[in-house]
Amino acid sequence: MGPLRTARPREQPALATEAMPGSVWFPGSQLNCAVEVFRGRDEAGTAVVAVT
């Protein structure tokens, strides 16, 4: 699948402070899960099938 694409510069630490509990992981990062789930898939194909 490859590495995740995030909006966080690689120079920034993954952990804002070493305080536990209450840590803030990947401060300033943004992740679009839908983009990552469907990355590399056929855009013309079926994305979701639901049965109720």
C-alpha atoms as a PDB file:
ATOM      1  CA  MET A   1       0.000   0.000   0.000  1.00  0.00           C
ATOM      2  CA  GLY A   2       2.899   2.389   0.600  1.00  0.00           C
ATOM      3  CA  PRO A   3       3.515   5.110   3.159  1.00  0.00           C
ATOM      4  CA  LEU A   4       0.650   7.248   4.427  1.00  0.00           C
ATOM      5  CA  ARG A   5       0.397  10.769   3.069  1.00  0.00           C
ATOM      6  CA  THR A   6       0.093  13.269   5.898  1.00  0.00           C
ATOM      7  CA  ALA A   7       0.218  17.034   6.185  1.00  0.00           C
ATOM      8  CA  ARG A   8       2.933  16.885   8.889  1.00  0.00           C
ATOM      9  CA  PRO A   9       6.532  17.760   8.042  1.00  0.00           C
ATOM     10  CA  ARG A  10       8.816  14.784   8.682  1.00  0.00           C
ATOM     11  CA  GLU A  11      11.114  16.925  10.846  1.00  0.00           C
ATOM     12  CA  GLN A  12       8.463  17.277  13.551  1.00  0.00           C
ATOM     13  CA  PRO A  13       8.536  14.738  16.380  1.00  0.00           C
ATOM     14  CA  ALA A  14       5.746  12.163  16.572  1.00  0.00           C
ATOM     15  CA  LEU A  15       5.096  12.981  20.239  1.00  0.00           C
ATOM     16  CA  ALA A  16       4.522  16.607  21.345  1.00  0.00           C
ATOM     17  CA  THR A  17       5.747  15.968  24.915  1.00  0.00           C
ATOM     18  CA  GLU A  18       6.814  12.915  26.881  1.00  0.00           C
ATOM     19  CA  ALA A  19       4.003  13.397  29.427  1.00  0.00           C
ATOM     20  CA  MET A  20       1.861  10.305  29.921  1.00  0.00           C
ATOM     21  CA  PRO A  21      -1.189  10.217  30.125  1.00  0.00           C
ATOM     22  CA  GLY A  22      -2.361  13.176  28.093  1.00  0.00           C
ATOM     23  CA  SER A  23       0.131  12.823  25.263  1.00  0.00           C
ATOM     24  CA  VAL A  24      -0.520  14.449  21.920  1.00  0.00           C
ATOM     25  CA  TRP A  25       0.627  12.193  19.100  1.00  0.00           C
ATOM     26  CA  PHE A  26       1.597  13.642  15.702  1.00  0.00           C
ATOM     27  CA  PRO A  27       0.716  17.272  16.546  1.00  0.00           C
ATOM     28  CA  GLY A  28      -0.522  19.244  13.563  1.00  0.00           C
ATOM     29  CA  SER A  29      -1.017  16.125  11.436  1.00  0.00           C
ATOM     30  CA  GLN A  30      -4.045  15.495   9.278  1.00  0.00           C
ATOM     31  CA  LEU A  31      -5.060  12.146   7.829  1.00  0.00           C
ATOM     32  CA  ASN A  32      -7.888  11.512   5.391  1.00  0.00           C
ATOM     33  CA  CYS A  33      -8.856   7.870   6.001  1.00  0.00           C
ATOM     34  CA  ALA A  34     -11.061   7.653   2.905  1.00  0.00           C
ATOM     35  CA  VAL A  35      -8.202   8.758   0.672  1.00  0.00           C
ATOM     36  CA  GLU A  36      -5.910   6.124   2.206  1.00  0.00           C
ATOM     37  CA  VAL A  37      -8.491   3.314   2.060  1.00  0.00           C
ATOM     38  CA  PHE A  38      -9.254   3.892  -1.608  1.00  0.00           C
ATOM     39  CA  ARG A  39      -5.746   4.884  -2.766  1.00  0.00           C
ATOM     40  CA  GLY A  40      -4.704   2.825  -5.778  1.00  0.00           C
ATOM     41  CA  ARG A  41      -8.213   1.500  -6.404  1.00  0.00           C
ATOM     42  CA  ASP A  42     -10.091   1.725  -9.705  1.00  0.00           C
ATOM     43  CA  GLU A  43     -12.008   5.022  -9.608  1.00  0.00           C
ATOM     44  CA  ALA A  44     -14.706   3.582 -11.877  1.00  0.00           C
ATOM     45  CA  GLY A  45     -15.186   0.509  -9.671  1.00  0.00           C
ATOM     46  CA  THR A  46     -17.631  -0.113  -6.840  1.00  0.00           C
ATOM     47  CA  ALA A  47     -16.488   1.610  -3.637  1.00  0.00           C
ATOM     48  CA  VAL A  48     -19.002   0.396  -1.056  1.00  0.00           C
ATOM     49  CA  VAL A  49     -21.535  -2.426  -0.966  1.00  0.00           C
ATOM     50  CA  ALA A  50     -24.035  -2.527   1.893  1.00  0.00           C
ATOM     51  CA  VAL A  51     -26.548  -5.195   2.865  1.00  0.00           C
ATOM     52  CA  THR A  52     -29.201  -4.534   5.483  1.00  0.00           C
END
